[in-house]
N, C-alpha and C. Protein backbone atom coordinates (compact mmCIF):
# COMPACT_ATOMS: atom_id res chain seq x y z
N MET A 1 6.64 163.94 -46.35
CA MET A 1 5.54 163.49 -47.19
C MET A 1 6.16 163.35 -48.87
N ASN A 2 7.32 164.55 -49.02
CA ASN A 2 7.89 164.39 -49.97
C ASN A 2 8.24 163.33 -50.64
N LEU A 3 9.19 162.90 -49.17
CA LEU A 3 9.99 161.70 -49.20
C LEU A 3 9.24 160.37 -49.65
N THR A 4 8.23 160.18 -48.75
CA THR A 4 6.96 159.09 -49.15
C THR A 4 6.86 159.17 -50.62
N ILE A 5 6.88 159.92 -50.84
CA ILE A 5 6.26 160.11 -52.57
C ILE A 5 6.99 159.43 -53.47
N PHE A 6 8.20 160.00 -52.91
CA PHE A 6 9.31 159.54 -53.67
C PHE A 6 9.83 158.09 -53.90
N PHE A 7 9.81 157.68 -52.73
CA PHE A 7 10.31 156.45 -52.24
C PHE A 7 8.81 155.47 -52.88
N GLN A 8 8.02 155.64 -52.67
CA GLN A 8 6.52 155.01 -53.81
C GLN A 8 6.47 154.87 -54.89
N SER A 9 7.15 156.52 -55.56
CA SER A 9 7.11 156.68 -56.61
C SER A 9 8.39 155.09 -56.91
N LEU A 10 9.52 155.20 -56.32
CA LEU A 10 10.20 154.58 -56.94
C LEU A 10 10.31 153.15 -57.07
N LEU A 11 9.42 152.67 -55.81
CA LEU A 11 8.54 151.15 -56.03
C LEU A 11 7.98 151.11 -56.89
N ILE A 12 7.36 152.31 -57.84
CA ILE A 12 5.87 152.04 -58.86
C ILE A 12 7.61 151.72 -60.53
N GLY A 13 8.62 152.63 -60.72
CA GLY A 13 9.06 152.49 -61.84
C GLY A 13 9.42 151.14 -61.19
N PHE A 14 10.05 150.99 -60.22
CA PHE A 14 10.68 149.30 -60.56
C PHE A 14 9.78 148.34 -60.41
N SER A 15 8.66 148.28 -60.04
CA SER A 15 7.48 147.24 -60.67
C SER A 15 6.94 147.64 -61.91
N ILE A 16 6.89 148.99 -62.78
CA ILE A 16 6.48 148.53 -64.10
C ILE A 16 7.61 148.62 -64.64
N ALA A 17 8.74 148.58 -64.60
CA ALA A 17 10.08 148.09 -65.55
C ALA A 17 9.99 146.13 -65.06
N ALA A 18 10.03 146.04 -64.35
CA ALA A 18 10.24 144.22 -63.50
C ALA A 18 9.92 143.20 -64.41
N PRO A 19 8.01 143.41 -65.22
CA PRO A 19 7.80 142.38 -65.41
C PRO A 19 8.62 142.19 -67.25
N VAL A 20 8.75 140.81 -67.35
CA VAL A 20 10.09 140.78 -68.52
C VAL A 20 8.96 140.18 -69.82
N GLY A 21 8.94 141.39 -70.58
CA GLY A 21 8.16 141.78 -71.54
C GLY A 21 9.58 141.98 -73.00
N PRO A 22 9.05 141.85 -73.91
CA PRO A 22 10.07 142.17 -75.37
C PRO A 22 11.49 142.96 -74.60
N ILE A 23 11.12 144.26 -74.62
CA ILE A 23 12.15 144.85 -73.73
C ILE A 23 13.35 144.26 -73.50
N GLY A 24 12.55 143.54 -71.78
CA GLY A 24 13.53 142.95 -71.13
C GLY A 24 14.00 141.65 -71.49
N ILE A 25 13.76 141.47 -72.58
CA ILE A 25 14.36 140.53 -73.53
C ILE A 25 15.42 140.60 -74.01
N LEU A 26 15.08 142.11 -75.05
CA LEU A 26 16.41 142.60 -76.04
C LEU A 26 17.27 142.57 -75.02
N CYS A 27 16.85 143.73 -73.50
CA CYS A 27 18.28 143.57 -72.91
C CYS A 27 19.24 142.51 -72.38
N ILE A 28 18.63 141.40 -72.51
CA ILE A 28 18.88 140.38 -71.35
C ILE A 28 20.05 139.63 -72.46
N ARG A 29 19.41 139.47 -74.13
CA ARG A 29 20.29 139.79 -74.81
C ARG A 29 21.24 140.32 -75.47
N ARG A 30 21.16 141.94 -75.56
CA ARG A 30 22.40 142.53 -75.70
C ARG A 30 23.44 142.08 -74.64
N THR A 31 22.90 142.02 -73.43
CA THR A 31 24.04 141.65 -72.19
C THR A 31 24.99 140.66 -72.86
N LEU A 32 24.16 139.71 -72.87
CA LEU A 32 24.39 138.23 -73.23
C LEU A 32 25.84 138.49 -74.58
N ALA A 33 25.20 139.23 -75.37
CA ALA A 33 25.69 139.33 -77.08
C ALA A 33 26.88 140.44 -76.70
N ASP A 34 26.94 141.75 -76.11
CA ASP A 34 27.66 142.93 -76.17
C ASP A 34 28.14 143.32 -74.40
N GLY A 35 27.25 142.55 -73.60
CA GLY A 35 27.89 142.92 -71.83
C GLY A 35 26.99 143.75 -71.21
N ARG A 36 27.02 143.86 -70.24
CA ARG A 36 26.42 144.81 -68.97
C ARG A 36 26.45 146.17 -69.61
N ARG A 37 27.13 146.69 -70.02
CA ARG A 37 27.26 148.01 -70.58
C ARG A 37 26.26 147.77 -71.61
N ALA A 38 26.13 147.18 -72.74
CA ALA A 38 24.98 147.05 -73.92
C ALA A 38 23.76 147.52 -73.35
N GLY A 39 23.54 146.48 -72.27
CA GLY A 39 21.92 146.18 -71.62
C GLY A 39 21.92 146.90 -70.82
N PHE A 40 22.15 147.61 -69.71
CA PHE A 40 22.07 148.69 -68.91
C PHE A 40 21.75 149.83 -70.30
N ILE A 41 22.30 150.17 -71.15
CA ILE A 41 22.17 151.27 -71.60
C ILE A 41 20.47 151.31 -72.48
N SER A 42 19.97 149.90 -72.99
CA SER A 42 19.07 149.74 -73.66
C SER A 42 18.35 149.83 -71.98
N GLY A 43 18.53 149.20 -70.88
CA GLY A 43 17.40 150.18 -70.35
C GLY A 43 16.87 151.04 -69.65
N LEU A 44 18.29 151.94 -70.10
CA LEU A 44 18.17 153.31 -69.63
C LEU A 44 17.14 153.82 -70.87
N GLY A 45 17.38 153.22 -71.33
CA GLY A 45 15.85 153.79 -72.70
C GLY A 45 14.95 153.62 -72.79
N ALA A 46 14.50 152.74 -72.01
CA ALA A 46 13.30 152.49 -71.33
C ALA A 46 13.12 153.03 -70.29
N ALA A 47 14.07 153.47 -69.43
CA ALA A 47 13.67 153.87 -68.04
C ALA A 47 13.38 155.39 -68.42
N THR A 48 13.92 155.85 -69.30
CA THR A 48 13.90 157.30 -70.26
C THR A 48 12.18 157.79 -70.49
N ALA A 49 11.64 156.44 -71.32
CA ALA A 49 10.53 156.55 -72.03
C ALA A 49 9.38 156.68 -71.08
N ASP A 50 9.84 155.94 -69.73
CA ASP A 50 8.73 156.00 -68.48
C ASP A 50 8.98 157.00 -67.86
N ALA A 51 9.54 157.68 -67.72
CA ALA A 51 10.22 158.89 -66.85
C ALA A 51 9.37 159.91 -68.08
N PHE A 52 9.37 159.69 -69.25
CA PHE A 52 8.52 160.88 -69.68
C PHE A 52 6.97 160.94 -69.85
N TYR A 53 6.94 159.15 -69.59
CA TYR A 53 4.72 159.76 -69.75
C TYR A 53 4.74 159.67 -68.13
N GLY A 54 5.68 159.63 -66.89
CA GLY A 54 4.99 159.75 -65.37
C GLY A 54 5.48 161.60 -65.85
N ALA A 55 6.37 162.27 -66.44
CA ALA A 55 6.06 163.65 -66.33
C ALA A 55 4.71 163.88 -67.09
N VAL A 56 4.66 163.37 -67.92
CA VAL A 56 3.15 164.20 -68.53
C VAL A 56 2.30 163.76 -67.91
N ALA A 57 2.06 162.40 -66.96
CA ALA A 57 1.02 162.61 -66.09
C ALA A 57 1.19 162.97 -64.78
N ALA A 58 2.28 163.66 -64.42
CA ALA A 58 2.29 163.46 -63.09
C ALA A 58 2.33 165.82 -62.81
N PHE A 59 2.54 165.75 -64.31
CA PHE A 59 2.39 167.74 -64.53
C PHE A 59 1.46 167.77 -64.96
N GLY A 60 0.22 166.79 -65.36
CA GLY A 60 -0.98 167.16 -65.86
C GLY A 60 -0.81 167.70 -67.23
N LEU A 61 0.24 167.03 -68.66
CA LEU A 61 0.61 167.78 -69.57
C LEU A 61 -0.89 167.40 -70.52
N THR A 62 -1.95 167.52 -70.07
CA THR A 62 -2.98 166.82 -71.17
C THR A 62 -2.68 167.15 -72.80
N PHE A 63 -2.36 168.05 -73.21
CA PHE A 63 -2.61 168.61 -74.79
C PHE A 63 -1.53 167.10 -75.52
N ILE A 64 -0.34 167.14 -74.30
CA ILE A 64 0.82 165.87 -74.91
C ILE A 64 0.31 164.89 -75.10
N SER A 65 -0.15 163.96 -74.11
CA SER A 65 -0.75 163.08 -73.01
C SER A 65 -2.48 162.88 -74.81
N THR A 66 -3.09 164.04 -74.74
CA THR A 66 -4.15 163.74 -76.00
C THR A 66 -3.80 163.29 -77.14
N PHE A 67 -2.59 164.07 -77.79
CA PHE A 67 -2.00 164.04 -78.76
C PHE A 67 -1.37 163.24 -79.29
N LEU A 68 -0.63 161.79 -77.65
CA LEU A 68 -0.42 160.79 -78.18
C LEU A 68 -1.29 159.04 -77.84
N ILE A 69 -2.52 159.74 -78.14
CA ILE A 69 -3.21 159.15 -77.17
C ILE A 69 -4.21 158.62 -78.55
N THR A 70 -4.39 160.08 -78.95
CA THR A 70 -5.09 160.03 -80.62
C THR A 70 -3.87 159.19 -81.66
N GLN A 71 -3.09 159.60 -81.70
CA GLN A 71 -1.93 158.57 -82.72
C GLN A 71 -1.95 157.43 -81.88
N SER A 72 -1.96 156.41 -80.91
CA SER A 72 -1.41 155.35 -80.51
C SER A 72 -1.84 154.67 -81.65
N ILE A 73 -2.32 154.28 -81.92
CA ILE A 73 -2.77 153.31 -83.32
C ILE A 73 -1.21 153.52 -84.24
N TRP A 74 -1.17 154.67 -84.69
CA TRP A 74 0.15 154.78 -85.68
C TRP A 74 1.74 154.33 -84.81
N LEU A 75 1.66 155.03 -83.26
CA LEU A 75 2.75 154.13 -82.57
C LEU A 75 2.95 153.17 -82.05
N ARG A 76 1.77 152.66 -81.81
CA ARG A 76 2.13 150.84 -81.63
C ARG A 76 2.16 149.99 -83.12
N LEU A 77 1.47 150.98 -84.19
CA LEU A 77 2.46 150.24 -85.33
C LEU A 77 3.43 150.04 -85.75
N GLY A 78 3.78 151.27 -85.64
CA GLY A 78 5.14 151.38 -85.74
C GLY A 78 6.18 150.64 -84.51
N GLY A 79 5.96 150.44 -83.90
CA GLY A 79 6.09 149.82 -82.25
C GLY A 79 6.35 148.24 -83.09
N GLY A 80 5.17 147.68 -83.78
CA GLY A 80 5.24 146.21 -83.73
C GLY A 80 5.79 145.92 -84.66
N ILE A 81 5.97 146.80 -86.04
CA ILE A 81 7.08 146.34 -86.89
C ILE A 81 8.41 146.61 -86.60
N PHE A 82 8.99 147.98 -85.92
CA PHE A 82 10.09 147.66 -85.21
C PHE A 82 10.43 146.40 -84.43
N LEU A 83 9.11 146.20 -83.94
CA LEU A 83 9.52 144.40 -82.67
C LEU A 83 10.11 143.32 -84.01
N ILE A 84 9.19 143.18 -84.70
CA ILE A 84 9.57 142.25 -85.99
C ILE A 84 10.93 142.59 -86.25
N TYR A 85 10.92 143.44 -86.69
CA TYR A 85 12.24 143.65 -87.26
C TYR A 85 13.22 143.20 -86.21
N LEU A 86 13.52 143.43 -85.53
CA LEU A 86 14.65 143.53 -83.80
C LEU A 86 14.32 142.09 -84.24
N GLY A 87 13.22 141.54 -83.95
CA GLY A 87 13.27 139.64 -84.07
C GLY A 87 13.94 138.97 -84.48
N PHE A 88 13.75 139.33 -86.35
CA PHE A 88 14.12 138.46 -87.23
C PHE A 88 15.82 138.80 -87.25
N ARG A 89 16.33 140.12 -87.02
CA ARG A 89 17.85 140.49 -86.69
C ARG A 89 18.14 139.83 -85.51
N THR A 90 17.62 139.65 -84.78
CA THR A 90 18.32 138.94 -83.41
C THR A 90 18.17 137.51 -84.19
N ILE A 91 17.28 136.88 -84.61
CA ILE A 91 17.55 135.45 -84.84
C ILE A 91 18.53 135.33 -85.78
N LEU A 92 18.75 135.94 -86.63
CA LEU A 92 19.97 135.33 -88.12
C LEU A 92 21.27 136.35 -87.08
N ALA A 93 21.29 136.39 -86.24
CA ALA A 93 22.95 137.21 -85.69
C ALA A 93 23.45 136.00 -85.26
N GLN A 94 24.92 136.27 -85.14
CA GLN A 94 25.95 135.03 -84.94
C GLN A 94 26.53 135.94 -84.03
N PRO A 95 27.62 135.17 -83.03
CA PRO A 95 28.05 135.25 -82.05
C PRO A 95 29.39 136.09 -82.68
N ALA A 96 29.97 137.38 -82.22
CA ALA A 96 30.69 138.03 -82.49
C ALA A 96 32.16 137.51 -81.62
N ASP A 97 34.08 137.45 -82.46
CA ASP A 97 34.90 137.05 -81.95
C ASP A 97 35.33 137.94 -80.35
N ASN A 98 35.68 137.43 -79.68
CA ASN A 98 36.32 138.49 -78.07
C ASN A 98 37.02 140.07 -79.13
N GLU A 99 37.83 139.97 -80.19
CA GLU A 99 37.90 141.53 -80.68
C GLU A 99 37.30 142.08 -81.08
N THR A 100 35.92 141.28 -81.46
CA THR A 100 34.59 142.32 -82.26
C THR A 100 34.12 142.52 -81.03
N GLN A 101 33.56 141.92 -80.31
CA GLN A 101 32.79 142.17 -78.75
C GLN A 101 33.58 143.24 -78.52
N ASN A 102 34.75 143.45 -78.23
CA ASN A 102 35.48 144.41 -77.27
C ASN A 102 35.21 145.79 -78.18
N GLN A 103 35.42 145.73 -79.28
CA GLN A 103 35.14 147.05 -79.96
C GLN A 103 33.71 147.23 -80.25
N SER A 104 32.36 146.13 -79.92
CA SER A 104 31.11 146.46 -80.08
C SER A 104 31.39 147.20 -78.61
N GLU A 105 31.53 147.26 -77.27
CA GLU A 105 31.59 147.81 -76.12
C GLU A 105 32.21 148.80 -76.08
N GLN A 106 33.17 149.35 -76.68
CA GLN A 106 33.27 150.72 -76.79
C GLN A 106 32.71 151.59 -78.12
N ASN A 107 31.76 151.04 -78.79
CA ASN A 107 31.24 151.81 -79.92
C ASN A 107 30.17 152.68 -79.53
N HIS A 108 30.60 153.85 -79.58
CA HIS A 108 29.50 154.93 -78.38
C HIS A 108 28.68 155.44 -79.70
N GLN A 109 28.49 154.79 -80.76
CA GLN A 109 27.27 154.92 -81.75
C GLN A 109 26.28 153.87 -81.83
N GLY A 110 26.75 152.72 -81.79
CA GLY A 110 26.18 151.66 -80.97
C GLY A 110 25.80 151.23 -79.64
N MET A 111 26.03 152.10 -78.80
CA MET A 111 25.60 152.64 -77.64
C MET A 111 23.89 153.01 -77.22
N LEU A 112 24.84 154.28 -78.43
CA LEU A 112 23.38 154.90 -78.88
C LEU A 112 21.87 154.46 -79.48
N SER A 113 22.62 153.47 -80.39
CA SER A 113 21.24 152.79 -80.95
C SER A 113 21.05 151.73 -80.14
N TYR A 114 21.30 151.00 -79.04
CA TYR A 114 20.60 150.24 -77.96
C TYR A 114 19.64 151.83 -77.49
N PHE A 115 20.55 152.59 -76.75
CA PHE A 115 19.43 153.33 -75.86
C PHE A 115 17.82 154.26 -76.66
N VAL A 116 18.27 154.46 -78.15
CA VAL A 116 17.20 154.88 -79.01
C VAL A 116 16.43 154.28 -79.12
N SER A 117 16.52 152.90 -79.23
CA SER A 117 15.58 151.44 -79.54
C SER A 117 14.68 150.93 -78.76
N THR A 118 15.12 151.05 -77.93
CA THR A 118 14.70 150.54 -76.39
C THR A 118 13.40 151.95 -76.34
N PHE A 119 14.29 153.19 -76.35
CA PHE A 119 13.10 154.77 -75.81
C PHE A 119 11.76 154.38 -76.86
N LEU A 120 12.29 153.81 -77.66
CA LEU A 120 11.19 154.67 -78.92
C LEU A 120 10.44 152.93 -79.15
N LEU A 121 10.75 152.02 -77.91
CA LEU A 121 9.80 150.70 -77.90
C LEU A 121 9.20 150.86 -77.10
N THR A 122 9.90 151.51 -76.10
CA THR A 122 8.27 151.91 -74.74
C THR A 122 7.44 153.14 -75.01
N ILE A 123 8.62 153.78 -76.12
CA ILE A 123 7.50 155.23 -76.34
C ILE A 123 6.24 155.04 -77.05
N SER A 124 6.49 153.59 -77.59
CA SER A 124 5.18 153.34 -78.51
C SER A 124 4.08 152.74 -78.43
N ASN A 125 3.69 153.15 -76.74
CA ASN A 125 2.65 152.31 -76.23
C ASN A 125 2.03 153.29 -75.24
N PRO A 126 1.23 154.32 -75.92
CA PRO A 126 1.49 155.78 -75.52
C PRO A 126 -0.11 155.73 -74.24
N LEU A 127 -0.44 154.35 -74.12
CA LEU A 127 -1.49 154.34 -73.28
C LEU A 127 -0.73 154.03 -71.98
N THR A 128 0.15 153.86 -71.50
CA THR A 128 0.66 153.87 -70.24
C THR A 128 0.34 154.96 -69.72
N ILE A 129 0.34 156.05 -70.65
CA ILE A 129 0.40 157.57 -69.73
C ILE A 129 -1.21 157.55 -68.71
N LEU A 130 -2.03 156.49 -69.21
CA LEU A 130 -3.22 156.58 -68.63
C LEU A 130 -3.01 155.46 -66.99
N SER A 131 -1.83 154.49 -67.29
CA SER A 131 -1.33 153.86 -65.82
C SER A 131 -1.04 154.48 -64.85
N PHE A 132 -0.33 155.45 -65.60
CA PHE A 132 0.40 156.48 -64.59
C PHE A 132 -0.36 157.68 -63.88
N ALA A 133 -1.44 158.37 -64.83
CA ALA A 133 -1.86 159.00 -64.18
C ALA A 133 -2.82 158.13 -62.71
N ALA A 134 -3.41 156.86 -63.54
CA ALA A 134 -4.46 156.11 -62.24
C ALA A 134 -3.17 156.37 -61.17
N ILE A 135 -2.10 155.75 -61.19
CA ILE A 135 -1.48 155.46 -60.28
C ILE A 135 -1.16 156.84 -59.50
N PHE A 136 -0.85 157.93 -59.81
CA PHE A 136 -0.70 159.22 -59.63
C PHE A 136 -1.61 159.44 -58.86
N ALA A 137 -2.83 159.31 -59.34
CA ALA A 137 -3.98 159.68 -58.83
C ALA A 137 -4.32 159.29 -56.98
N GLY A 138 -3.73 157.51 -57.61
CA GLY A 138 -4.20 157.00 -56.01
C GLY A 138 -3.58 157.86 -54.71
N LEU A 139 -1.95 158.05 -55.41
CA LEU A 139 -0.83 159.03 -54.53
C LEU A 139 -1.16 160.23 -54.43
N GLY A 140 -2.12 160.71 -54.60
CA GLY A 140 -2.58 162.02 -54.51
C GLY A 140 -2.66 162.65 -55.18
N ALA A 141 -1.51 162.62 -56.47
CA ALA A 141 -0.93 163.82 -57.25
C ALA A 141 -2.47 164.75 -57.68
N GLY A 142 -3.45 164.31 -57.70
CA GLY A 142 -4.18 165.25 -58.41
C GLY A 142 -4.80 166.72 -56.84
N ARG A 143 -4.23 166.42 -55.75
CA ARG A 143 -4.45 167.75 -55.43
C ARG A 143 -3.19 168.78 -55.71
N PHE A 144 -1.56 168.07 -56.51
CA PHE A 144 -1.13 169.16 -56.49
C PHE A 144 -1.14 170.17 -57.55
N ASN A 145 -0.53 171.38 -57.34
CA ASN A 145 -1.01 172.65 -58.36
C ASN A 145 0.04 173.33 -58.85
N SER A 146 0.13 174.04 -59.55
CA SER A 146 1.44 174.62 -60.06
C SER A 146 2.75 175.12 -58.99
N GLN A 147 1.90 174.92 -57.95
CA GLN A 147 2.87 175.56 -56.61
C GLN A 147 3.87 173.91 -55.72
N ASP A 148 3.34 173.11 -56.37
CA ASP A 148 3.64 171.90 -55.54
C ASP A 148 4.69 170.93 -56.78
N ASN A 149 5.03 171.57 -57.86
CA ASN A 149 5.59 170.90 -58.90
C ASN A 149 6.68 170.15 -57.80
N PHE A 150 7.39 170.29 -57.18
CA PHE A 150 8.40 169.52 -56.37
C PHE A 150 7.85 168.29 -56.37
N ALA A 151 6.63 168.13 -55.71
CA ALA A 151 6.02 166.52 -55.16
C ALA A 151 5.97 165.99 -56.85
N SER A 152 5.89 166.53 -57.95
CA SER A 152 5.73 165.97 -59.27
C SER A 152 6.68 165.50 -59.71
N LEU A 153 7.72 166.32 -59.93
CA LEU A 153 9.13 166.09 -60.09
C LEU A 153 9.99 165.03 -58.96
N LEU A 154 9.60 164.81 -57.94
CA LEU A 154 9.90 163.82 -57.08
C LEU A 154 9.52 162.22 -57.95
N MET A 155 7.72 162.22 -57.78
CA MET A 155 7.43 160.78 -58.72
C MET A 155 8.17 160.85 -59.88
N VAL A 156 8.76 162.03 -60.56
CA VAL A 156 9.45 161.29 -61.92
C VAL A 156 10.73 161.03 -61.64
N MET A 157 10.96 161.45 -60.82
CA MET A 157 12.67 160.90 -60.66
C MET A 157 12.56 159.36 -59.74
N GLY A 158 11.17 159.45 -58.84
CA GLY A 158 11.39 158.24 -58.13
C GLY A 158 10.65 157.23 -59.34
N ILE A 159 10.05 157.14 -60.52
CA ILE A 159 10.04 156.12 -61.23
C ILE A 159 11.21 156.23 -62.51
N PHE A 160 11.94 157.19 -62.53
CA PHE A 160 13.21 156.82 -63.46
C PHE A 160 14.49 156.15 -62.80
N LEU A 161 14.63 156.06 -61.28
CA LEU A 161 15.20 155.67 -60.29
C LEU A 161 14.99 154.20 -59.93
N GLY A 162 13.84 154.04 -60.11
CA GLY A 162 13.16 152.61 -59.61
C GLY A 162 13.22 151.44 -60.93
N SER A 163 12.99 151.88 -62.28
CA SER A 163 13.16 151.79 -63.75
C SER A 163 14.61 151.30 -63.31
N CYS A 164 15.78 152.32 -63.53
CA CYS A 164 17.17 152.22 -63.15
C CYS A 164 17.77 150.94 -62.74
N ILE A 165 16.84 151.29 -61.08
CA ILE A 165 17.53 150.22 -60.40
C ILE A 165 17.20 148.25 -60.90
N TRP A 166 16.15 148.12 -61.86
CA TRP A 166 15.49 146.93 -61.88
C TRP A 166 16.57 146.43 -63.18
N TRP A 167 16.64 147.28 -63.81
CA TRP A 167 17.41 147.30 -65.24
C TRP A 167 19.00 147.13 -64.87
N PHE A 168 19.79 147.49 -63.62
CA PHE A 168 20.91 147.55 -63.08
C PHE A 168 20.53 146.06 -63.05
N PHE A 169 20.62 145.27 -61.99
CA PHE A 169 20.13 144.26 -61.33
C PHE A 169 19.75 143.11 -62.41
N LEU A 170 19.22 143.12 -63.38
CA LEU A 170 19.04 142.71 -64.37
C LEU A 170 20.00 142.05 -65.36
N THR A 171 21.14 143.46 -65.81
CA THR A 171 22.03 143.01 -66.55
C THR A 171 23.23 142.57 -65.72
N LEU A 172 23.03 142.84 -64.76
CA LEU A 172 24.27 142.36 -63.73
C LEU A 172 23.88 140.88 -63.87
N ALA A 173 22.53 140.64 -63.69
CA ALA A 173 22.63 139.09 -63.58
C ALA A 173 22.59 138.09 -64.43
N ALA A 174 22.45 138.92 -65.63
CA ALA A 174 22.50 138.04 -67.35
C ALA A 174 23.82 138.30 -67.41
N GLY A 175 24.90 139.68 -67.66
CA GLY A 175 26.15 139.32 -67.28
C GLY A 175 26.77 138.52 -66.48
N PHE A 176 26.45 137.69 -65.74
CA PHE A 176 27.05 136.61 -64.83
C PHE A 176 27.20 135.40 -65.73
N VAL A 177 25.70 135.38 -66.13
CA VAL A 177 25.80 134.05 -67.19
C VAL A 177 26.45 133.68 -68.41
N ARG A 178 26.39 135.89 -69.22
CA ARG A 178 27.22 135.51 -70.25
C ARG A 178 29.03 134.64 -70.26
N ASP A 179 29.52 134.79 -68.65
CA ASP A 179 30.73 134.77 -69.17
C ASP A 179 30.90 132.94 -69.08
N ARG A 180 29.61 132.30 -68.81
CA ARG A 180 29.56 130.98 -68.80
C ARG A 180 29.01 130.27 -69.69
N ILE A 181 28.42 130.99 -71.29
CA ILE A 181 27.76 130.24 -71.99
C ILE A 181 28.56 130.63 -73.46
N ASN A 182 28.99 129.09 -74.40
CA ASN A 182 30.20 129.36 -75.32
C ASN A 182 29.23 129.81 -76.53
N ASN A 183 30.11 129.80 -77.89
CA ASN A 183 28.69 130.89 -79.32
C ASN A 183 27.99 129.64 -79.35
N ASN A 184 28.14 128.54 -79.41
CA ASN A 184 27.27 127.57 -80.12
C ASN A 184 25.67 127.92 -79.02
N THR A 185 26.27 128.11 -77.42
CA THR A 185 24.77 128.66 -76.80
C THR A 185 24.13 129.81 -77.07
N LEU A 186 24.67 130.57 -77.57
CA LEU A 186 24.13 131.63 -77.68
C LEU A 186 23.58 131.94 -79.01
N ILE A 187 24.32 131.07 -80.01
CA ILE A 187 23.27 131.21 -81.16
C ILE A 187 21.95 131.04 -80.95
N TRP A 188 21.49 129.82 -79.95
CA TRP A 188 20.47 129.40 -79.17
C TRP A 188 19.52 130.15 -78.89
N ILE A 189 20.16 130.99 -78.28
CA ILE A 189 19.93 132.39 -77.71
C ILE A 189 18.95 133.17 -78.04
N ASN A 190 20.12 133.65 -79.02
CA ASN A 190 19.45 134.93 -80.37
C ASN A 190 18.10 133.85 -81.10
N ARG A 191 18.23 132.75 -80.91
CA ARG A 191 17.39 132.13 -81.81
C ARG A 191 15.76 132.24 -81.06
N ILE A 192 16.09 132.05 -80.06
CA ILE A 192 14.82 131.81 -78.77
C ILE A 192 14.23 133.60 -78.66
N ALA A 193 15.18 134.40 -78.01
CA ALA A 193 15.24 135.84 -78.03
C ALA A 193 14.21 136.05 -78.93
N GLY A 194 14.78 135.71 -80.37
CA GLY A 194 14.43 136.29 -81.13
C GLY A 194 13.08 136.12 -81.93
N ALA A 195 12.95 135.09 -81.90
CA ALA A 195 11.52 134.25 -81.91
C ALA A 195 10.49 134.96 -80.93
N ILE A 196 11.01 135.12 -79.79
CA ILE A 196 9.98 135.97 -78.29
C ILE A 196 9.66 137.22 -78.76
N ILE A 197 10.85 138.28 -79.46
CA ILE A 197 10.49 139.42 -79.73
C ILE A 197 9.69 139.32 -81.00
N LEU A 198 9.84 138.44 -82.03
CA LEU A 198 8.81 138.45 -83.00
C LEU A 198 7.20 138.34 -82.45
N VAL A 199 7.31 137.35 -81.52
CA VAL A 199 6.36 137.03 -81.30
C VAL A 199 5.55 138.23 -80.45
N PHE A 200 6.22 139.28 -80.32
CA PHE A 200 5.61 140.16 -79.42
C PHE A 200 5.29 140.94 -80.45
N GLY A 201 6.02 141.13 -81.22
CA GLY A 201 5.86 142.35 -82.34
C GLY A 201 3.95 142.02 -83.24
N ILE A 202 4.51 140.34 -83.78
CA ILE A 202 2.97 140.54 -83.88
C ILE A 202 1.57 140.61 -83.16
N LEU A 203 1.85 140.33 -81.57
CA LEU A 203 0.99 140.68 -80.93
C LEU A 203 0.14 142.22 -81.06
N VAL A 204 1.56 142.66 -81.42
CA VAL A 204 1.63 144.10 -81.07
C VAL A 204 0.37 144.46 -82.32
N LEU A 205 0.47 143.83 -83.18
CA LEU A 205 -0.31 144.23 -84.63
C LEU A 205 -1.64 143.87 -84.22
N ILE A 206 -1.58 142.72 -83.56
CA ILE A 206 -2.91 142.37 -83.77
C ILE A 206 -4.09 143.04 -82.65
N SER A 207 -3.28 143.17 -81.59
CA SER A 207 -4.25 143.91 -80.34
C SER A 207 -4.07 145.67 -80.97
N ILE A 208 -3.47 146.08 -82.41
CA ILE A 208 -4.36 147.01 -83.13
C ILE A 208 -5.72 146.97 -83.73
N GLN A 209 -6.19 145.48 -84.27
CA GLN A 209 -7.10 145.60 -84.73
C GLN A 209 -7.97 145.22 -83.70
N THR A 210 -8.20 145.14 -82.92
CA THR A 210 -8.52 144.72 -81.56
C THR A 210 -8.85 146.27 -80.37
N GLN A 211 -8.29 147.51 -81.10
CA GLN A 211 -8.60 148.24 -80.34
C GLN A 211 -9.19 149.18 -80.99
N PRO A 212 -10.39 150.00 -80.01
CA PRO A 212 -11.01 150.54 -80.74
C PRO A 212 -10.73 152.36 -80.91
N PRO A 213 -11.20 153.13 -81.57
CA PRO A 213 -10.26 154.19 -82.26
C PRO A 213 -10.61 155.14 -81.11
N ILE A 214 -10.01 155.82 -81.16
CA ILE A 214 -9.88 157.21 -80.10
C ILE A 214 -9.44 158.20 -80.51
N ASN A 215 -10.51 158.78 -80.52
CA ASN A 215 -10.47 160.30 -80.98
C ASN A 215 -10.58 161.50 -80.04
């Protein structure tokens, strides 16, 4: 049964990560600009945030979920503003020469910023907890108790690994494209990707206006 739960959670993690939204666009663009490593580490940030929310739902950490959901407007406001900032920054970004690209790929501080940025963007939507709670209830997580934390842990691991698998294949595919584009093409990719990210950020801010207050 535990093995079944793990593979079910793995598929859930994959399917939650798969829809290409602002994080996906960001990871593709970073892969094209700075290589597969940059794109995959960006994806790991999103996968870690998914695993965090999965853990909150699977282990029934209601004090954390309640706090995050009640603060969802502020978190989404920060996420929307950050997306707008990244959108403008991406639009204005210029392709680096080969030497600069190689230095960028080896810059650990830059890689850390890639991880942190996607983690924060993903964590800025705490209503994700509700989705995980509903999914886990369907898998029978409601039957688990403090003596069966191993099953909950398998769920969280499945979510994380499933998400990682998606980001691996996405950045792998984007890496193949990277080898076939020139700087002029990358400039247009930056502009289009930045515009899409910018629109996502604006939509997040608009959605806050229509979101009922959560007490």
